[in-house]
Amino acid sequence: MKIEEIYQKLNTLSPFNLQEKWDNSGLLVGDMEREFKHITLALDVDKESLEKVKENTLFIVHHPLIFSGLKELNFSVYPANLLEIMVKKNLSLIAMHTNFDKTHLNAKKKKKVLGLKIASQEDFICRTTGEWSKDEFLALLKEKLGLEVLKVVSPKQKITSIALTTGAGASLMDEVNADCFLTGDIKYHDAMKAMSQNLMMVDIGHYESEQFFAQILRDELENLGVLGIITQSQNPFEIM
């Protein structure tokens, strides 16, 4: 199959023109006319995954390997060190980032992983309503996301509405319109602002909130008759 063929399937599934202006989704490494033999799905590419795969593999990932313009290719530093491996092994890469967040990742994460019904979705914010106690809800998050600990701002004993944005979504807190906001990479000043507004926020981790990207995409591709192998990206953080 040529890259162009799978690219069009992906574009139908989650249009690339939905990505944010600052994003860099699409074909980042490769040639639309080039043929590939294997598909690997992953949250990110890293050295280990690149060294493991066979030549002529197409990676479909969530996070773009190249975000801004490269002024040099110094193969001793990231991301050029990974690009060198890709070129030598004839590996290609398509990123599905903010477009996939909007069309699939936030909603599927909330429904399939957390088991919560979706009340509404607007771009990156997916909402649900119900009734949970603080302890039962935090226990659910730890179990489903594999988290040992959670950082929580302004905890509420009773929760009746929940908003979710995978990745780093703290900048959207003014738009969540919910008792509790789940996202990753919550900074200190974001927490201070949330506390002043009595908004419960739970930091569910950037990696942990997006780790199911490959599984969600594989399910969608199988419906289109396309098979891919999942490579589990390594979380750069370790709890010690």
C-alpha atoms as a PDB file:
ATOM      1  CA  MET A   1       0.000   0.000   0.000  1.00  0.00           C
ATOM      2  CA  LYS A   2       1.182   3.531  -0.730  1.00  0.00           C
ATOM      3  CA  ILE A   3       1.270   6.106   2.053  1.00  0.00           C
ATOM      4  CA  GLU A   4      -1.218   8.210   0.092  1.00  0.00           C
ATOM      5  CA  GLU A   5      -3.836   5.453   0.429  1.00  0.00           C
ATOM      6  CA  ILE A   6      -3.630   5.157   4.213  1.00  0.00           C
ATOM      7  CA  TYR A   7      -3.350   8.933   4.544  1.00  0.00           C
ATOM      8  CA  GLN A   8      -6.701   9.393   2.811  1.00  0.00           C
ATOM      9  CA  LYS A   9      -8.315   6.787   5.073  1.00  0.00           C
ATOM     10  CA  LEU A  10      -6.970   8.614   8.129  1.00  0.00           C
ATOM     11  CA  ASN A  11      -8.099  11.949   6.741  1.00  0.00           C
ATOM     12  CA  THR A  12     -11.627  10.598   6.346  1.00  0.00           C
ATOM     13  CA  LEU A  13     -11.540   9.182   9.869  1.00  0.00           C
ATOM     14  CA  SER A  14     -10.167  12.363  11.479  1.00  0.00           C
ATOM     15  CA  PRO A  15      -9.626  15.251   9.020  1.00  0.00           C
ATOM     16  CA  PHE A  16      -6.170  16.772   9.303  1.00  0.00           C
ATOM     17  CA  ASN A  17      -7.568  20.258   8.649  1.00  0.00           C
ATOM     18  CA  LEU A  18      -9.168  20.135  12.100  1.00  0.00           C
ATOM     19  CA  GLN A  19      -5.768  20.437  13.744  1.00  0.00           C
ATOM     20  CA  GLU A  20      -4.882  23.620  15.630  1.00  0.00           C
ATOM     21  CA  LYS A  21      -2.821  26.284  13.857  1.00  0.00           C
ATOM     22  CA  TRP A  22       0.176  25.629  16.109  1.00  0.00           C
ATOM     23  CA  ASP A  23       0.044  21.878  15.523  1.00  0.00           C
ATOM     24  CA  ASN A  24       2.036  19.818  13.016  1.00  0.00           C
ATOM     25  CA  SER A  25      -0.102  16.784  12.240  1.00  0.00           C
ATOM     26  CA  GLY A  26       0.063  14.960   8.909  1.00  0.00           C
ATOM     27  CA  LEU A  27       2.862  13.237   7.010  1.00  0.00           C
ATOM     28  CA  LEU A  28       6.094  14.319   8.724  1.00  0.00           C
ATOM     29  CA  VAL A  29       8.537  11.733   7.390  1.00  0.00           C
ATOM     30  CA  GLY A  30       8.170   9.955   4.070  1.00  0.00           C
ATOM     31  CA  ASP A  31       6.689  10.349   0.617  1.00  0.00           C
ATOM     32  CA  MET A  32       3.023   9.998  -0.363  1.00  0.00           C
ATOM     33  CA  GLU A  33       4.024   7.812  -3.322  1.00  0.00           C
ATOM     34  CA  ARG A  34       6.223   5.522  -1.238  1.00  0.00           C
ATOM     35  CA  GLU A  35       5.004   2.023  -0.440  1.00  0.00           C
ATOM     36  CA  PHE A  36       5.231   0.544   3.048  1.00  0.00           C
ATOM     37  CA  LYS A  37       4.952  -3.023   4.333  1.00  0.00           C
ATOM     38  CA  HIS A  38       4.030  -2.639   7.996  1.00  0.00           C
ATOM     39  CA  ILE A  39       2.048  -0.251  10.233  1.00  0.00           C
ATOM     40  CA  THR A  40       2.996   0.529  13.832  1.00  0.00           C
ATOM     41  CA  LEU A  41       0.705   2.569  16.089  1.00  0.00           C
ATOM     42  CA  ALA A  42       2.131   4.436  19.075  1.00  0.00           C
ATOM     43  CA  LEU A  43       1.723   7.489  21.267  1.00  0.00           C
ATOM     44  CA  ASP A  44       5.286   8.575  20.422  1.00  0.00           C
ATOM     45  CA  VAL A  45       8.324   7.269  18.609  1.00  0.00           C
ATOM     46  CA  ASP A  46      11.478   6.633  20.589  1.00  0.00           C
ATOM     47  CA  LYS A  47      14.845   5.059  19.866  1.00  0.00           C
ATOM     48  CA  GLU A  48      13.844   1.649  21.160  1.00  0.00           C
ATOM     49  CA  SER A  49      10.725   1.401  19.005  1.00  0.00           C
ATOM     50  CA  LEU A  50      12.587   2.576  15.896  1.00  0.00           C
ATOM     51  CA  GLU A  51      15.337   0.030  16.369  1.00  0.00           C
ATOM     52  CA  LYS A  52      12.848  -2.810  16.890  1.00  0.00           C
ATOM     53  CA  VAL A  53      10.680  -2.375  13.790  1.00  0.00           C
ATOM     54  CA  LYS A  54      11.385  -3.789  10.369  1.00  0.00           C
ATOM     55  CA  GLU A  55      12.380  -1.611   7.430  1.00  0.00           C
ATOM     56  CA  ASN A  56       9.606   0.006   5.355  1.00  0.00           C
ATOM     57  CA  THR A  57       7.371   0.508   8.390  1.00  0.00           C
ATOM     58  CA  LEU A  58       4.868   3.353   8.634  1.00  0.00           C
ATOM     59  CA  PHE A  59       4.433   4.818  12.112  1.00  0.00           C
ATOM     60  CA  ILE A  60       1.115   6.473  12.964  1.00  0.00           C
ATOM     61  CA  VAL A  61       1.570   8.382  16.202  1.00  0.00           C
ATOM     62  CA  HIS A  62      -0.209  10.957  18.331  1.00  0.00           C
ATOM     63  CA  HIS A  63       2.603  13.390  19.148  1.00  0.00           C
ATOM     64  CA  PRO A  64       4.397  14.991  16.180  1.00  0.00           C
ATOM     65  CA  LEU A  65       8.110  14.185  16.166  1.00  0.00           C
ATOM     66  CA  ILE A  66       8.740  17.552  14.483  1.00  0.00           C
ATOM     67  CA  PHE A  67       6.867  20.516  15.952  1.00  0.00           C
ATOM     68  CA  SER A  68       8.742  23.588  14.764  1.00  0.00           C
ATOM     69  CA  GLY A  69      11.166  24.278  11.942  1.00  0.00           C
ATOM     70  CA  LEU A  70      14.540  22.513  12.117  1.00  0.00           C
ATOM     71  CA  LYS A  71      17.546  24.715  11.439  1.00  0.00           C
ATOM     72  CA  GLU A  72      20.016  21.850  11.495  1.00  0.00           C
ATOM     73  CA  LEU A  73      20.187  18.074  11.636  1.00  0.00           C
ATOM     74  CA  ASN A  74      22.589  17.372  14.466  1.00  0.00           C
ATOM     75  CA  PHE A  75      22.289  13.613  14.766  1.00  0.00           C
ATOM     76  CA  SER A  76      23.511  13.633  18.369  1.00  0.00           C
ATOM     77  CA  VAL A  77      20.402  15.452  19.676  1.00  0.00           C
ATOM     78  CA  TYR A  78      16.617  14.981  19.630  1.00  0.00           C
ATOM     79  CA  PRO A  79      14.747  14.784  17.273  1.00  0.00           C
ATOM     80  CA  ALA A  80      17.455  14.541  14.615  1.00  0.00           C
ATOM     81  CA  ASN A  81      18.886  11.428  16.285  1.00  0.00           C
ATOM     82  CA  LEU A  82      15.577   9.661  15.662  1.00  0.00           C
ATOM     83  CA  LEU A  83      15.180  11.062  12.157  1.00  0.00           C
ATOM     84  CA  GLU A  84      18.564   9.591  11.212  1.00  0.00           C
ATOM     85  CA  ILE A  85      17.382   6.105  12.192  1.00  0.00           C
ATOM     86  CA  MET A  86      14.147   6.591  10.255  1.00  0.00           C
ATOM     87  CA  VAL A  87      15.908   7.622   7.054  1.00  0.00           C
ATOM     88  CA  LYS A  88      18.383   4.728   7.244  1.00  0.00           C
ATOM     89  CA  LYS A  89      15.582   2.162   7.713  1.00  0.00           C
ATOM     90  CA  ASN A  90      13.160   3.764   5.254  1.00  0.00           C
ATOM     91  CA  LEU A  91      10.625   4.453   8.004  1.00  0.00           C
ATOM     92  CA  SER A  92       7.743   6.882   7.553  1.00  0.00           C
ATOM     93  CA  LEU A  93       5.655   8.795  10.074  1.00  0.00           C
ATOM     94  CA  ILE A  94       2.171  10.305  10.182  1.00  0.00           C
ATOM     95  CA  ALA A  95       1.051  12.271  13.252  1.00  0.00           C
ATOM     96  CA  MET A  96      -2.582  12.571  14.327  1.00  0.00           C
ATOM     97  CA  HIS A  97      -2.554  15.039  17.180  1.00  0.00           C
ATOM     98  CA  THR A  98      -5.113  17.784  17.832  1.00  0.00           C
ATOM     99  CA  ASN A  99      -7.369  16.590  15.009  1.00  0.00           C
ATOM    100  CA  PHE A 100      -7.665  13.167  16.675  1.00  0.00           C
ATOM    101  CA  ASP A 101      -8.177  14.790  20.082  1.00  0.00           C
ATOM    102  CA  LYS A 102     -11.226  16.569  18.714  1.00  0.00           C
ATOM    103  CA  THR A 103     -12.756  13.649  16.838  1.00  0.00           C
ATOM    104  CA  HIS A 104     -11.846  10.602  18.920  1.00  0.00           C
ATOM    105  CA  LEU A 105      -9.406  10.605  21.820  1.00  0.00           C
ATOM    106  CA  ASN A 106     -11.270  12.685  24.419  1.00  0.00           C
ATOM    107  CA  ALA A 107     -14.641  11.042  23.831  1.00  0.00           C
ATOM    108  CA  LYS A 108     -13.356   7.464  23.457  1.00  0.00           C
ATOM    109  CA  LYS A 109     -11.152   7.850  26.529  1.00  0.00           C
ATOM    110  CA  LYS A 110     -14.078   8.974  28.631  1.00  0.00           C
ATOM    111  CA  LYS A 111     -16.469   6.323  27.338  1.00  0.00           C
ATOM    112  CA  LYS A 112     -14.316   3.240  26.734  1.00  0.00           C
ATOM    113  CA  VAL A 113     -11.624   3.670  29.377  1.00  0.00           C
ATOM    114  CA  LEU A 114     -13.384   5.442  32.227  1.00  0.00           C
ATOM    115  CA  GLY A 115     -16.846   4.037  31.455  1.00  0.00           C
ATOM    116  CA  LEU A 116     -18.532   7.455  31.631  1.00  0.00           C
ATOM    117  CA  LYS A 117     -21.422   8.514  29.406  1.00  0.00           C
ATOM    118  CA  ILE A 118     -20.847  11.600  27.293  1.00  0.00           C
ATOM    119  CA  ALA A 119     -23.228  14.494  27.784  1.00  0.00           C
ATOM    120  CA  SER A 120     -21.557  16.910  25.372  1.00  0.00           C
ATOM    121  CA  GLN A 121     -18.314  17.648  23.553  1.00  0.00           C
ATOM    122  CA  GLU A 122     -16.862  20.888  22.231  1.00  0.00           C
ATOM    123  CA  ASP A 123     -13.515  20.526  20.493  1.00  0.00           C
ATOM    124  CA  PHE A 124     -11.151  19.418  23.288  1.00  0.00           C
ATOM    125  CA  ILE A 125     -13.618  19.388  26.208  1.00  0.00           C
ATOM    126  CA  CYS A 126     -15.745  16.313  26.794  1.00  0.00           C
ATOM    127  CA  ARG A 127     -18.378  16.533  29.559  1.00  0.00           C
ATOM    128  CA  THR A 128     -20.479  14.091  31.544  1.00  0.00           C
ATOM    129  CA  THR A 129     -22.994  14.395  34.354  1.00  0.00           C
ATOM    130  CA  GLY A 130     -23.952  12.101  37.218  1.00  0.00           C
ATOM    131  CA  GLU A 131     -23.220  11.747  40.897  1.00  0.00           C
ATOM    132  CA  TRP A 132     -19.985  10.518  42.470  1.00  0.00           C
ATOM    133  CA  SER A 133     -18.359  10.783  45.851  1.00  0.00           C
ATOM    134  CA  LYS A 134     -14.812  12.097  45.854  1.00  0.00           C
ATOM    135  CA  ASP A 135     -13.311   8.852  47.134  1.00  0.00           C
ATOM    136  CA  GLU A 136     -15.086   6.551  44.672  1.00  0.00           C
ATOM    137  CA  PHE A 137     -14.245   8.768  41.713  1.00  0.00           C
ATOM    138  CA  LEU A 138     -10.560   9.134  42.587  1.00  0.00           C
ATOM    139  CA  ALA A 139     -10.371   5.366  43.100  1.00  0.00           C
ATOM    140  CA  LEU A 140     -11.869   4.867  39.628  1.00  0.00           C
ATOM    141  CA  LEU A 141      -9.250   7.144  38.056  1.00  0.00           C
ATOM    142  CA  LYS A 142      -6.387   5.346  39.772  1.00  0.00           C
ATOM    143  CA  GLU A 143      -7.674   1.946  38.691  1.00  0.00           C
ATOM    144  CA  LYS A 144      -8.463   2.756  35.059  1.00  0.00           C
ATOM    145  CA  LEU A 145      -5.379   4.899  34.387  1.00  0.00           C
ATOM    146  CA  GLY A 146      -2.873   2.887  36.399  1.00  0.00           C
ATOM    147  CA  LEU A 147      -2.010   5.782  38.693  1.00  0.00           C
ATOM    148  CA  GLU A 148      -0.610   5.295  42.168  1.00  0.00           C
ATOM    149  CA  VAL A 149      -1.188   8.875  43.278  1.00  0.00           C
ATOM    150  CA  LEU A 150      -3.211  11.856  42.080  1.00  0.00           C
ATOM    151  CA  LYS A 151      -2.636  15.582  42.443  1.00  0.00           C
ATOM    152  CA  VAL A 152      -5.980  17.208  43.240  1.00  0.00           C
ATOM    153  CA  VAL A 153      -6.943  20.879  43.495  1.00  0.00           C
ATOM    154  CA  SER A 154     -10.002  21.988  45.525  1.00  0.00           C
ATOM    155  CA  PRO A 155     -11.407  18.476  46.131  1.00  0.00           C
ATOM    156  CA  LYS A 156     -15.198  18.261  46.428  1.00  0.00           C
ATOM    157  CA  GLN A 157     -16.935  15.609  48.489  1.00  0.00           C
ATOM    158  CA  LYS A 158     -19.732  15.328  45.913  1.00  0.00           C
ATOM    159  CA  ILE A 159     -19.224  15.618  42.149  1.00  0.00           C
ATOM    160  CA  THR A 160     -22.126  16.035  39.706  1.00  0.00           C
ATOM    161  CA  SER A 161     -20.352  17.027  36.474  1.00  0.00           C
ATOM    162  CA  ILE A 162     -16.962  16.151  35.000  1.00  0.00           C
ATOM    163  CA  ALA A 163     -15.012  17.647  32.096  1.00  0.00           C
ATOM    164  CA  LEU A 164     -12.052  15.911  30.435  1.00  0.00           C
ATOM    165  CA  THR A 165      -9.275  17.127  28.165  1.00  0.00           C
ATOM    166  CA  THR A 166      -6.443  14.702  27.443  1.00  0.00           C
ATOM    167  CA  GLY A 167      -2.869  15.956  27.348  1.00  0.00           C
ATOM    168  CA  ALA A 168      -2.211  19.440  28.728  1.00  0.00           C
ATOM    169  CA  GLY A 169      -5.566  21.227  28.902  1.00  0.00           C
ATOM    170  CA  ALA A 170      -5.329  23.474  31.952  1.00  0.00           C
ATOM    171  CA  SER A 171      -5.541  26.598  29.783  1.00  0.00           C
ATOM    172  CA  LEU A 172      -9.161  25.618  29.034  1.00  0.00           C
ATOM    173  CA  MET A 173     -10.329  25.775  32.644  1.00  0.00           C
ATOM    174  CA  ASP A 174     -12.476  28.877  32.036  1.00  0.00           C
ATOM    175  CA  GLU A 175     -14.504  26.897  29.481  1.00  0.00           C
ATOM    176  CA  VAL A 176     -15.104  23.600  31.288  1.00  0.00           C
ATOM    177  CA  ASN A 177     -18.420  24.451  33.033  1.00  0.00           C
ATOM    178  CA  ALA A 178     -18.187  21.480  35.404  1.00  0.00           C
ATOM    179  CA  ASP A 179     -17.515  20.604  39.046  1.00  0.00           C
ATOM    180  CA  CYS A 180     -14.358  18.680  38.216  1.00  0.00           C
ATOM    181  CA  PHE A 181     -11.831  19.028  35.388  1.00  0.00           C
ATOM    182  CA  LEU A 182      -9.523  16.154  34.430  1.00  0.00           C
ATOM    183  CA  THR A 183      -6.369  16.917  32.457  1.00  0.00           C
ATOM    184  CA  GLY A 184      -2.581  16.588  32.583  1.00  0.00           C
ATOM    185  CA  ASP A 185       0.424  18.847  33.158  1.00  0.00           C
ATOM    186  CA  ILE A 186      -1.345  21.172  35.605  1.00  0.00           C
ATOM    187  CA  LYS A 187       1.081  23.943  36.562  1.00  0.00           C
ATOM    188  CA  TYR A 188       1.286  25.660  39.944  1.00  0.00           C
ATOM    189  CA  HIS A 189      -0.329  28.899  38.773  1.00  0.00           C
ATOM    190  CA  ASP A 190      -3.091  26.948  37.012  1.00  0.00           C
ATOM    191  CA  ALA A 191      -3.783  25.260  40.337  1.00  0.00           C
ATOM    192  CA  MET A 192      -3.847  28.591  42.161  1.00  0.00           C
ATOM    193  CA  LYS A 193      -6.361  29.954  39.660  1.00  0.00           C
ATOM    194  CA  ALA A 194      -8.565  26.854  39.910  1.00  0.00           C
ATOM    195  CA  MET A 195      -8.500  27.044  43.696  1.00  0.00           C
ATOM    196  CA  SER A 196      -9.604  30.684  43.622  1.00  0.00           C
ATOM    197  CA  GLN A 197     -12.526  29.676  41.368  1.00  0.00           C
ATOM    198  CA  ASN A 198     -13.429  26.633  43.494  1.00  0.00           C
ATOM    199  CA  LEU A 199     -12.878  24.358  40.485  1.00  0.00           C
ATOM    200  CA  MET A 200     -11.811  20.831  41.342  1.00  0.00           C
ATOM    201  CA  MET A 201      -8.941  19.779  39.076  1.00  0.00           C
ATOM    202  CA  VAL A 202      -7.271  16.389  38.926  1.00  0.00           C
ATOM    203  CA  ASP A 203      -3.908  15.969  37.219  1.00  0.00           C
ATOM    204  CA  ILE A 204      -4.239  12.615  35.447  1.00  0.00           C
ATOM    205  CA  GLY A 205      -0.864  12.923  33.711  1.00  0.00           C
ATOM    206  CA  HIS A 206      -0.056  13.729  30.100  1.00  0.00           C
ATOM    207  CA  TYR A 207       1.117  10.229  29.220  1.00  0.00           C
ATOM    208  CA  GLU A 208      -1.554   8.498  31.296  1.00  0.00           C
ATOM    209  CA  SER A 209      -4.351  10.547  29.760  1.00  0.00           C
ATOM    210  CA  GLU A 210      -3.256   9.735  26.198  1.00  0.00           C
ATOM    211  CA  GLN A 211      -1.750   6.263  26.537  1.00  0.00           C
ATOM    212  CA  PHE A 212      -4.778   4.608  24.889  1.00  0.00           C
ATOM    213  CA  PHE A 213      -4.321   6.471  21.585  1.00  0.00           C
ATOM    214  CA  ALA A 214      -2.901   3.449  19.754  1.00  0.00           C
ATOM    215  CA  GLN A 215      -5.644   1.093  20.932  1.00  0.00           C
ATOM    216  CA  ILE A 216      -8.413   3.539  20.022  1.00  0.00           C
ATOM    217  CA  LEU A 217      -6.914   4.134  16.570  1.00  0.00           C
ATOM    218  CA  ARG A 218      -6.400   0.413  15.938  1.00  0.00           C
ATOM    219  CA  ASP A 219     -10.073  -0.270  16.634  1.00  0.00           C
ATOM    220  CA  GLU A 220     -11.038   2.415  14.125  1.00  0.00           C
ATOM    221  CA  LEU A 221      -8.583   1.155  11.478  1.00  0.00           C
ATOM    222  CA  GLU A 222      -9.812  -2.433  11.825  1.00  0.00           C
ATOM    223  CA  ASN A 223     -13.275  -1.178  10.869  1.00  0.00           C
ATOM    224  CA  LEU A 224     -11.654   0.155   7.684  1.00  0.00           C
ATOM    225  CA  GLY A 225      -9.918  -3.143   6.972  1.00  0.00           C
ATOM    226  CA  VAL A 226      -6.467  -1.916   8.002  1.00  0.00           C
ATOM    227  CA  LEU A 227      -4.335  -3.798  10.540  1.00  0.00           C
ATOM    228  CA  GLY A 228      -1.621  -2.232  12.668  1.00  0.00           C
ATOM    229  CA  ILE A 229       0.718  -3.370  15.434  1.00  0.00           C
ATOM    230  CA  ILE A 230       0.693  -1.431  18.691  1.00  0.00           C
ATOM    231  CA  THR A 231       3.980  -0.347  20.221  1.00  0.00           C
ATOM    232  CA  GLN A 232       3.584   0.915  23.777  1.00  0.00           C
ATOM    233  CA  SER A 233       5.545   4.128  24.184  1.00  0.00           C
ATOM    234  CA  GLN A 234       7.598   4.513  27.326  1.00  0.00           C
ATOM    235  CA  ASN A 235       6.480   7.039  29.904  1.00  0.00           C
ATOM    236  CA  PRO A 236       9.453   9.407  30.342  1.00  0.00           C
ATOM    237  CA  PHE A 237       8.536   9.869  34.029  1.00  0.00           C
ATOM    238  CA  GLU A 238       9.019   7.277  36.764  1.00  0.00           C
ATOM    239  CA  ILE A 239       7.444   7.347  40.229  1.00  0.00           C
ATOM    240  CA  MET A 240      10.140   6.786  42.860  1.00  0.00           C
END
